[in-house]
Amino acid sequence: MQIEEYQKEQYLVSSDPSKLDLQVIHGYLSRSYWAEDIPFETVKRSVEHSLCFGVYNGKKQIGFARVISDYTTFAYLADVFILEEERGKGLSKFLMECILKHKELHGLRNFSLMTQDAHSLYARYGFKNIPKPENFMAKKIDGIYKKKE
């Protein structure tokens, strides 16, 4: 996989997996609305099997996104975040621009994602509501990471 890096002021977006800080990624995802209580090993495996993008301020990781894809026809964007203390600086837009520039993701027929609250961010990059939602199906297990008592 080709590593790509993009610089904007002191911020770097990189697809280099060796730069990723799994503690930061797990720390955020485990308290997110979509992956609450996700086990560390699950995060580790998901990162190993995805095209990942880290956002860095110097050497400190401050954001993340991953793409699951066959690199030919389909991709799914997941786990996008910028740490709270770094928000409001245009970094989510910078991250999206970098993802969409990545050579491995050009020419895809379908590029999808799910979001509860960031529709306006993704809409500026061409993402829309599913045109025929009745054609879309999913199997989703809510609460899968919650500890059983």
Foldseek 3Di string as FASTA:
>chain_A
DDKDWDDDVQKIKIQDLVLDDLVVLCVVQCVDPVRPLPDSVVSVVVSVQWRKIFMDRHSDTFWIKTWHDPLAAEIEIDSTDGHPVPPPPCVSLVNVVVVCPDPSNPPYNYYYYDDDPPVVSVVVVPDDDDPCCVVDDDDDDPPPNPDDD
